[in-house]
Amino acid sequence: MENRKILVVDDEPKILKIVEHSLHREGYQVFTAADGEQAINMAEKVRPDLIILDLMLPKADGFEVCKRIKSRQDVPVIILSARGEEVDKVVGFTLGADDYQTKPFSPTELVMRVRAVLRRYKQPAQQASSRNQLVYSSLEINFKNRAVKVLGNTVDLTAKEFDLLWHLAVGAPQVFTRQQLLEALWEPDFYGDENTLTVHIRRLREKIESDPTNPAFIKTVWGVGYKFEPGDGGGE
């Protein structure tokens, strides 16, 4: 049985009860919060292993809660919201959310998403070699301390963005299909929106490329997927 701590944040008592019951049944420790400020305080106090977060909350909305918690803790977040518009998903992923489930939802599917995120979180590409650092002309990737520098300046990546970058870089020059990346970095039985990968690729390019519209490192192979090109800086 699981013994992970999960914080569930929702202002609907019925939703809280359903999710709490489903997770308790799987052996998780469950903590709840009914508004944004309570969620932030509870996350600081409990230090959960995962957070299930509604977007439409009193006192502080889910986006603000996600941003503030992620700035303090490296914790995975699954957004659970009735707002299923693409813009909300994009903003959620941009702030570091690891998955997005729309309401109404299946409690069984939500539990499967929780398992998937917990299994994959903080477990980067399985193909990672014994190399701990990759250095290129303008880009440095340090696997040991999960740090990335561009032109000597530290760049802040979410846990999933780092895992995606490392997976592509250490696997170069292999071309990875979208499905291969989803299965490797999210879960073989992926339950998220495929737009997740598109958002993460775009965010990575915005952070490490001098010109995201004409990327030097993360290349799109049309009709196939993505690959990493070291450029003229080599790698070690």
C-alpha atoms as a PDB file:
ATOM      1  CA  MET A   1       0.000   0.000   0.000  1.00  0.00           C
ATOM      2  CA  GLU A   2       1.060   3.577  -0.649  1.00  0.00           C
ATOM      3  CA  ASN A   3       2.016   5.944   2.153  1.00  0.00           C
ATOM      4  CA  ARG A   4       2.570   9.099   0.129  1.00  0.00           C
ATOM      5  CA  LYS A   5       1.092  12.407   1.298  1.00  0.00           C
ATOM      6  CA  ILE A   6      -1.359  14.070  -1.079  1.00  0.00           C
ATOM      7  CA  LEU A   7      -2.880  17.519  -0.663  1.00  0.00           C
ATOM      8  CA  VAL A   8      -6.289  17.942  -2.332  1.00  0.00           C
ATOM      9  CA  VAL A   9      -7.445  21.528  -2.881  1.00  0.00           C
ATOM     10  CA  ASP A  10     -11.052  22.248  -3.871  1.00  0.00           C
ATOM     11  CA  ASP A  11     -13.806  24.525  -2.580  1.00  0.00           C
ATOM     12  CA  GLU A  12     -16.515  21.954  -3.297  1.00  0.00           C
ATOM     13  CA  PRO A  13     -17.012  19.696  -0.221  1.00  0.00           C
ATOM     14  CA  LYS A  14     -18.490  16.922  -2.382  1.00  0.00           C
ATOM     15  CA  ILE A  15     -15.404  16.847  -4.649  1.00  0.00           C
ATOM     16  CA  LEU A  16     -13.087  16.834  -1.651  1.00  0.00           C
ATOM     17  CA  LYS A  17     -14.978  13.909  -0.146  1.00  0.00           C
ATOM     18  CA  ILE A  18     -14.927  11.863  -3.378  1.00  0.00           C
ATOM     19  CA  VAL A  19     -11.226  12.423  -4.035  1.00  0.00           C
ATOM     20  CA  GLU A  20     -10.252  11.894  -0.406  1.00  0.00           C
ATOM     21  CA  HIS A  21     -12.175   8.605  -0.264  1.00  0.00           C
ATOM     22  CA  SER A  22     -10.650   7.353  -3.540  1.00  0.00           C
ATOM     23  CA  LEU A  23      -7.110   8.133  -2.404  1.00  0.00           C
ATOM     24  CA  HIS A  24      -7.586   6.783   1.123  1.00  0.00           C
ATOM     25  CA  ARG A  25      -8.740   3.514  -0.399  1.00  0.00           C
ATOM     26  CA  GLU A  26      -5.382   3.274  -2.205  1.00  0.00           C
ATOM     27  CA  GLY A  27      -3.463   3.855   1.016  1.00  0.00           C
ATOM     28  CA  TYR A  28      -2.446   7.493   0.494  1.00  0.00           C
ATOM     29  CA  GLN A  29      -2.338  10.007   3.333  1.00  0.00           C
ATOM     30  CA  VAL A  30      -4.756  12.752   2.331  1.00  0.00           C
ATOM     31  CA  PHE A  31      -4.849  16.372   3.460  1.00  0.00           C
ATOM     32  CA  THR A  32      -7.432  18.872   2.221  1.00  0.00           C
ATOM     33  CA  ALA A  33      -7.785  22.616   1.744  1.00  0.00           C
ATOM     34  CA  ALA A  34     -10.841  24.586   0.666  1.00  0.00           C
ATOM     35  CA  ASP A  35      -9.258  27.857  -0.511  1.00  0.00           C
ATOM     36  CA  GLY A  36      -6.039  29.139  -2.005  1.00  0.00           C
ATOM     37  CA  GLU A  37      -4.480  30.626   1.113  1.00  0.00           C
ATOM     38  CA  GLN A  38      -5.222  27.501   3.126  1.00  0.00           C
ATOM     39  CA  ALA A  39      -3.660  25.399   0.363  1.00  0.00           C
ATOM     40  CA  ILE A  40      -0.418  27.414   0.415  1.00  0.00           C
ATOM     41  CA  ASN A  41      -0.180  27.189   4.204  1.00  0.00           C
ATOM     42  CA  MET A  42      -1.021  23.485   4.233  1.00  0.00           C
ATOM     43  CA  ALA A  43       1.577  22.723   1.558  1.00  0.00           C
ATOM     44  CA  GLU A  44       4.237  24.460   3.650  1.00  0.00           C
ATOM     45  CA  LYS A  45       3.196  22.565   6.778  1.00  0.00           C
ATOM     46  CA  VAL A  46       2.621  19.083   5.316  1.00  0.00           C
ATOM     47  CA  ARG A  47       5.241  19.054   2.505  1.00  0.00           C
ATOM     48  CA  PRO A  48       3.069  16.757   0.344  1.00  0.00           C
ATOM     49  CA  ASP A  49       4.391  14.358  -2.293  1.00  0.00           C
ATOM     50  CA  LEU A  50       1.710  15.530  -4.742  1.00  0.00           C
ATOM     51  CA  ILE A  51      -1.003  18.180  -4.956  1.00  0.00           C
ATOM     52  CA  ILE A  52      -4.387  17.885  -6.677  1.00  0.00           C
ATOM     53  CA  LEU A  53      -5.470  21.455  -7.340  1.00  0.00           C
ATOM     54  CA  ASP A  54      -8.686  23.110  -8.468  1.00  0.00           C
ATOM     55  CA  LEU A  55      -8.372  26.376 -10.391  1.00  0.00           C
ATOM     56  CA  MET A  56     -11.449  28.297  -9.270  1.00  0.00           C
ATOM     57  CA  LEU A  57     -10.713  28.873  -5.596  1.00  0.00           C
ATOM     58  CA  PRO A  58     -11.567  31.645  -3.139  1.00  0.00           C
ATOM     59  CA  LYS A  59      -8.824  33.913  -1.704  1.00  0.00           C
ATOM     60  CA  ALA A  60      -6.226  32.835  -4.311  1.00  0.00           C
ATOM     61  CA  ASP A  61      -6.972  31.030  -7.571  1.00  0.00           C
ATOM     62  CA  GLY A  62      -5.314  27.779  -8.593  1.00  0.00           C
ATOM     63  CA  PHE A  63      -2.839  29.465 -10.920  1.00  0.00           C
ATOM     64  CA  GLU A  64      -1.549  31.686  -8.118  1.00  0.00           C
ATOM     65  CA  VAL A  65      -1.455  28.755  -5.703  1.00  0.00           C
ATOM     66  CA  CYS A  66       0.503  26.628  -8.180  1.00  0.00           C
ATOM     67  CA  LYS A  67       2.965  29.441  -8.849  1.00  0.00           C
ATOM     68  CA  ARG A  68       3.592  30.176  -5.181  1.00  0.00           C
ATOM     69  CA  ILE A  69       3.933  26.559  -4.083  1.00  0.00           C
ATOM     70  CA  LYS A  70       6.179  25.645  -7.013  1.00  0.00           C
ATOM     71  CA  SER A  71       8.466  28.559  -6.144  1.00  0.00           C
ATOM     72  CA  ARG A  72       9.025  27.032  -2.701  1.00  0.00           C
ATOM     73  CA  GLN A  73       8.760  23.269  -3.247  1.00  0.00           C
ATOM     74  CA  ASP A  74       9.630  20.822  -5.988  1.00  0.00           C
ATOM     75  CA  VAL A  75       6.289  19.008  -5.834  1.00  0.00           C
ATOM     76  CA  PRO A  76       4.170  17.599  -8.685  1.00  0.00           C
ATOM     77  CA  VAL A  77       0.775  19.193  -9.282  1.00  0.00           C
ATOM     78  CA  ILE A  78      -2.273  17.713 -11.002  1.00  0.00           C
ATOM     79  CA  ILE A  79      -4.826  20.368 -11.892  1.00  0.00           C
ATOM     80  CA  LEU A  80      -8.435  19.212 -11.469  1.00  0.00           C
ATOM     81  CA  SER A  81     -10.768  21.793 -12.927  1.00  0.00           C
ATOM     82  CA  ALA A  82     -14.027  22.402 -14.755  1.00  0.00           C
ATOM     83  CA  ARG A  83     -12.096  24.870 -16.899  1.00  0.00           C
ATOM     84  CA  GLY A  84     -10.973  22.756 -19.832  1.00  0.00           C
ATOM     85  CA  GLU A  85     -10.064  25.526 -22.276  1.00  0.00           C
ATOM     86  CA  GLU A  86      -6.685  25.138 -23.975  1.00  0.00           C
ATOM     87  CA  VAL A  87      -5.462  28.482 -22.661  1.00  0.00           C
ATOM     88  CA  ASP A  88      -6.015  27.304 -19.087  1.00  0.00           C
ATOM     89  CA  LYS A  89      -4.082  24.102 -19.783  1.00  0.00           C
ATOM     90  CA  VAL A  90      -1.235  26.047 -21.368  1.00  0.00           C
ATOM     91  CA  VAL A  91      -1.032  28.445 -18.419  1.00  0.00           C
ATOM     92  CA  GLY A  92      -1.184  25.529 -15.993  1.00  0.00           C
ATOM     93  CA  PHE A  93       1.651  23.673 -17.683  1.00  0.00           C
ATOM     94  CA  THR A  94       3.631  26.901 -17.976  1.00  0.00           C
ATOM     95  CA  LEU A  95       3.427  27.318 -14.209  1.00  0.00           C
ATOM     96  CA  GLY A  96       4.757  23.807 -13.726  1.00  0.00           C
ATOM     97  CA  ALA A  97       1.658  21.598 -13.504  1.00  0.00           C
ATOM     98  CA  ASP A  98       2.420  17.963 -14.320  1.00  0.00           C
ATOM     99  CA  ASP A  99      -1.040  16.898 -15.482  1.00  0.00           C
ATOM    100  CA  TYR A 100      -4.489  18.386 -16.113  1.00  0.00           C
ATOM    101  CA  GLN A 101      -7.794  16.597 -15.468  1.00  0.00           C
ATOM    102  CA  THR A 102     -11.098  18.218 -16.365  1.00  0.00           C
ATOM    103  CA  LYS A 103     -14.362  17.880 -14.430  1.00  0.00           C
ATOM    104  CA  PRO A 104     -16.524  15.863 -14.420  1.00  0.00           C
ATOM    105  CA  PHE A 105     -13.932  13.176 -13.823  1.00  0.00           C
ATOM    106  CA  SER A 106     -13.571   9.491 -13.077  1.00  0.00           C
ATOM    107  CA  PRO A 107     -12.131   8.891  -9.581  1.00  0.00           C
ATOM    108  CA  THR A 108     -10.499   5.726 -10.907  1.00  0.00           C
ATOM    109  CA  GLU A 109      -8.779   7.625 -13.718  1.00  0.00           C
ATOM    110  CA  LEU A 110      -7.658  10.324 -11.301  1.00  0.00           C
ATOM    111  CA  VAL A 111      -6.031   7.702  -9.070  1.00  0.00           C
ATOM    112  CA  MET A 112      -4.256   6.282 -12.126  1.00  0.00           C
ATOM    113  CA  ARG A 113      -2.972   9.757 -12.977  1.00  0.00           C
ATOM    114  CA  VAL A 114      -1.724  10.154  -9.411  1.00  0.00           C
ATOM    115  CA  ARG A 115       0.139   6.856  -9.630  1.00  0.00           C
ATOM    116  CA  ALA A 116       1.626   7.785 -12.997  1.00  0.00           C
ATOM    117  CA  VAL A 117       2.882  11.183 -11.853  1.00  0.00           C
ATOM    118  CA  LEU A 118       4.318   9.823  -8.601  1.00  0.00           C
ATOM    119  CA  ARG A 119       6.111   6.985 -10.392  1.00  0.00           C
ATOM    120  CA  ARG A 120       7.695   9.257 -12.952  1.00  0.00           C
ATOM    121  CA  TYR A 121       8.381  12.330 -10.860  1.00  0.00           C
ATOM    122  CA  LYS A 122      12.066  12.963 -10.210  1.00  0.00           C
ATOM    123  CA  GLN A 123      12.950   9.966 -12.381  1.00  0.00           C
ATOM    124  CA  PRO A 124      14.548  11.389 -15.524  1.00  0.00           C
ATOM    125  CA  ALA A 125      15.192   9.534 -18.734  1.00  0.00           C
ATOM    126  CA  GLN A 126      15.989   5.911 -18.067  1.00  0.00           C
ATOM    127  CA  GLN A 127      18.608   5.982 -20.804  1.00  0.00           C
ATOM    128  CA  ALA A 128      20.669   8.510 -18.836  1.00  0.00           C
ATOM    129  CA  SER A 129      24.251   7.439 -19.037  1.00  0.00           C
ATOM    130  CA  SER A 130      26.910   7.728 -16.362  1.00  0.00           C
ATOM    131  CA  ARG A 131      27.645  11.233 -17.629  1.00  0.00           C
ATOM    132  CA  ASN A 132      26.636  13.891 -15.122  1.00  0.00           C
ATOM    133  CA  GLN A 133      27.242  16.942 -17.272  1.00  0.00           C
ATOM    134  CA  LEU A 134      26.767  17.935 -20.894  1.00  0.00           C
ATOM    135  CA  VAL A 135      28.511  21.098 -22.115  1.00  0.00           C
ATOM    136  CA  TYR A 136      27.906  22.776 -25.469  1.00  0.00           C
ATOM    137  CA  SER A 137      28.796  26.098 -27.037  1.00  0.00           C
ATOM    138  CA  SER A 138      26.268  28.142 -25.062  1.00  0.00           C
ATOM    139  CA  LEU A 139      24.464  25.503 -23.012  1.00  0.00           C
ATOM    140  CA  GLU A 140      25.454  23.545 -19.897  1.00  0.00           C
ATOM    141  CA  ILE A 141      23.302  20.769 -18.431  1.00  0.00           C
ATOM    142  CA  ASN A 142      24.315  19.345 -15.067  1.00  0.00           C
ATOM    143  CA  PHE A 143      22.444  16.151 -14.228  1.00  0.00           C
ATOM    144  CA  LYS A 144      23.776  15.787 -10.691  1.00  0.00           C
ATOM    145  CA  ASN A 145      22.418  19.092  -9.415  1.00  0.00           C
ATOM    146  CA  ARG A 146      19.740  19.419 -12.122  1.00  0.00           C
ATOM    147  CA  ALA A 147      21.067  22.816 -13.186  1.00  0.00           C
ATOM    148  CA  VAL A 148      21.030  24.428 -16.622  1.00  0.00           C
ATOM    149  CA  LYS A 149      23.045  27.443 -17.757  1.00  0.00           C
ATOM    150  CA  VAL A 150      22.770  29.432 -20.980  1.00  0.00           C
ATOM    151  CA  LEU A 151      25.778  31.617 -21.758  1.00  0.00           C
ATOM    152  CA  GLY A 152      26.846  31.167 -18.144  1.00  0.00           C
ATOM    153  CA  ASN A 153      23.523  32.309 -16.710  1.00  0.00           C
ATOM    154  CA  THR A 154      21.406  29.898 -14.675  1.00  0.00           C
ATOM    155  CA  VAL A 155      18.037  29.112 -16.208  1.00  0.00           C
ATOM    156  CA  ASP A 156      15.130  27.976 -14.039  1.00  0.00           C
ATOM    157  CA  LEU A 157      13.438  24.857 -15.422  1.00  0.00           C
ATOM    158  CA  THR A 158      10.588  22.883 -13.919  1.00  0.00           C
ATOM    159  CA  ALA A 159      11.375  19.276 -12.988  1.00  0.00           C
ATOM    160  CA  LYS A 160       9.641  17.987 -16.105  1.00  0.00           C
ATOM    161  CA  GLU A 161      11.331  20.529 -18.384  1.00  0.00           C
ATOM    162  CA  PHE A 162      14.725  19.423 -17.092  1.00  0.00           C
ATOM    163  CA  ASP A 163      13.857  15.736 -17.556  1.00  0.00           C
ATOM    164  CA  LEU A 164      12.735  16.406 -21.123  1.00  0.00           C
ATOM    165  CA  LEU A 165      15.886  18.375 -21.966  1.00  0.00           C
ATOM    166  CA  TRP A 166      18.181  15.741 -20.460  1.00  0.00           C
ATOM    167  CA  HIS A 167      16.348  12.924 -22.238  1.00  0.00           C
ATOM    168  CA  LEU A 168      16.726  14.624 -25.611  1.00  0.00           C
ATOM    169  CA  ALA A 169      20.346  15.692 -25.033  1.00  0.00           C
ATOM    170  CA  VAL A 170      21.705  12.427 -23.669  1.00  0.00           C
ATOM    171  CA  GLY A 171      19.907  10.539 -26.428  1.00  0.00           C
ATOM    172  CA  ALA A 172      21.274  12.674 -29.275  1.00  0.00           C
ATOM    173  CA  PRO A 173      21.373  12.264 -32.205  1.00  0.00           C
ATOM    174  CA  GLN A 174      18.315  10.006 -31.898  1.00  0.00           C
ATOM    175  CA  VAL A 175      15.010  11.367 -33.154  1.00  0.00           C
ATOM    176  CA  PHE A 176      12.278  10.751 -30.586  1.00  0.00           C
ATOM    177  CA  THR A 177       8.665  10.432 -31.622  1.00  0.00           C
ATOM    178  CA  ARG A 178       6.051  12.280 -29.604  1.00  0.00           C
ATOM    179  CA  GLN A 179       4.771   8.985 -28.268  1.00  0.00           C
ATOM    180  CA  GLN A 180       8.247   7.875 -27.193  1.00  0.00           C
ATOM    181  CA  LEU A 181       8.726  11.085 -25.233  1.00  0.00           C
ATOM    182  CA  LEU A 182       5.308  10.867 -23.616  1.00  0.00           C
ATOM    183  CA  GLU A 183       5.878   7.268 -22.601  1.00  0.00           C
ATOM    184  CA  ALA A 184       9.421   7.868 -21.355  1.00  0.00           C
ATOM    185  CA  LEU A 185       8.758  11.012 -19.356  1.00  0.00           C
ATOM    186  CA  TRP A 186       5.157  10.758 -18.294  1.00  0.00           C
ATOM    187  CA  GLU A 187       4.078   7.099 -18.257  1.00  0.00           C
ATOM    188  CA  PRO A 188       3.738   4.188 -20.711  1.00  0.00           C
ATOM    189  CA  ASP A 189      -0.042   4.332 -20.232  1.00  0.00           C
ATOM    190  CA  PHE A 190      -0.178   8.096 -20.595  1.00  0.00           C
ATOM    191  CA  TYR A 191      -3.387   9.656 -19.319  1.00  0.00           C
ATOM    192  CA  GLY A 192      -2.636  13.290 -20.030  1.00  0.00           C
ATOM    193  CA  ASP A 193      -3.303  15.585 -22.944  1.00  0.00           C
ATOM    194  CA  GLU A 194      -0.741  15.260 -25.758  1.00  0.00           C
ATOM    195  CA  ASN A 195      -0.655  19.059 -25.778  1.00  0.00           C
ATOM    196  CA  THR A 196       1.443  18.634 -22.620  1.00  0.00           C
ATOM    197  CA  LEU A 197       4.506  17.771 -24.720  1.00  0.00           C
ATOM    198  CA  THR A 198       3.968  20.667 -27.123  1.00  0.00           C
ATOM    199  CA  VAL A 199       3.765  23.112 -24.228  1.00  0.00           C
ATOM    200  CA  HIS A 200       6.916  21.749 -22.577  1.00  0.00           C
ATOM    201  CA  ILE A 201       8.899  21.865 -25.838  1.00  0.00           C
ATOM    202  CA  ARG A 202       7.837  25.454 -26.420  1.00  0.00           C
ATOM    203  CA  ARG A 203       8.700  26.484 -22.874  1.00  0.00           C
ATOM    204  CA  LEU A 204      12.106  24.798 -23.105  1.00  0.00           C
ATOM    205  CA  ARG A 205      12.892  26.631 -26.316  1.00  0.00           C
ATOM    206  CA  GLU A 206      11.866  29.950 -24.773  1.00  0.00           C
ATOM    207  CA  LYS A 207      14.293  29.339 -21.903  1.00  0.00           C
ATOM    208  CA  ILE A 208      17.377  27.894 -23.638  1.00  0.00           C
ATOM    209  CA  GLU A 209      17.261  29.071 -27.254  1.00  0.00           C
ATOM    210  CA  SER A 210      18.515  32.480 -28.363  1.00  0.00           C
ATOM    211  CA  ASP A 211      15.778  32.413 -31.019  1.00  0.00           C
ATOM    212  CA  PRO A 212      12.933  30.054 -30.014  1.00  0.00           C
ATOM    213  CA  THR A 213      11.351  30.373 -33.465  1.00  0.00           C
ATOM    214  CA  ASN A 214      14.561  29.085 -35.046  1.00  0.00           C
ATOM    215  CA  PRO A 215      15.932  26.709 -32.397  1.00  0.00           C
ATOM    216  CA  ALA A 216      19.570  25.654 -32.463  1.00  0.00           C
ATOM    217  CA  PHE A 217      19.300  22.786 -29.976  1.00  0.00           C
ATOM    218  CA  ILE A 218      15.774  21.330 -29.882  1.00  0.00           C
ATOM    219  CA  LYS A 219      14.822  20.570 -33.464  1.00  0.00           C
ATOM    220  CA  THR A 220      11.449  19.521 -34.829  1.00  0.00           C
ATOM    221  CA  VAL A 221      11.605  16.610 -37.242  1.00  0.00           C
ATOM    222  CA  TRP A 222       8.380  17.118 -39.138  1.00  0.00           C
ATOM    223  CA  GLY A 223       6.071  14.146 -39.186  1.00  0.00           C
ATOM    224  CA  VAL A 224       8.244  12.298 -36.656  1.00  0.00           C
ATOM    225  CA  GLY A 225       9.006  14.195 -33.440  1.00  0.00           C
ATOM    226  CA  TYR A 226      11.993  15.977 -31.907  1.00  0.00           C
ATOM    227  CA  LYS A 227      15.757  15.671 -31.608  1.00  0.00           C
ATOM    228  CA  PHE A 228      18.610  17.474 -29.880  1.00  0.00           C
ATOM    229  CA  GLU A 229      21.468  18.881 -31.944  1.00  0.00           C
ATOM    230  CA  PRO A 230      24.654  19.612 -29.942  1.00  0.00           C
ATOM    231  CA  GLY A 231      25.862  22.186 -32.430  1.00  0.00           C
ATOM    232  CA  ASP A 232      29.572  22.924 -32.510  1.00  0.00           C
ATOM    233  CA  GLY A 233      30.129  22.736 -28.774  1.00  0.00           C
ATOM    234  CA  GLY A 234      30.365  18.982 -28.414  1.00  0.00           C
ATOM    235  CA  GLY A 235      29.305  17.358 -25.163  1.00  0.00           C
ATOM    236  CA  GLU A 236      30.898  15.598 -22.250  1.00  0.00           C
END
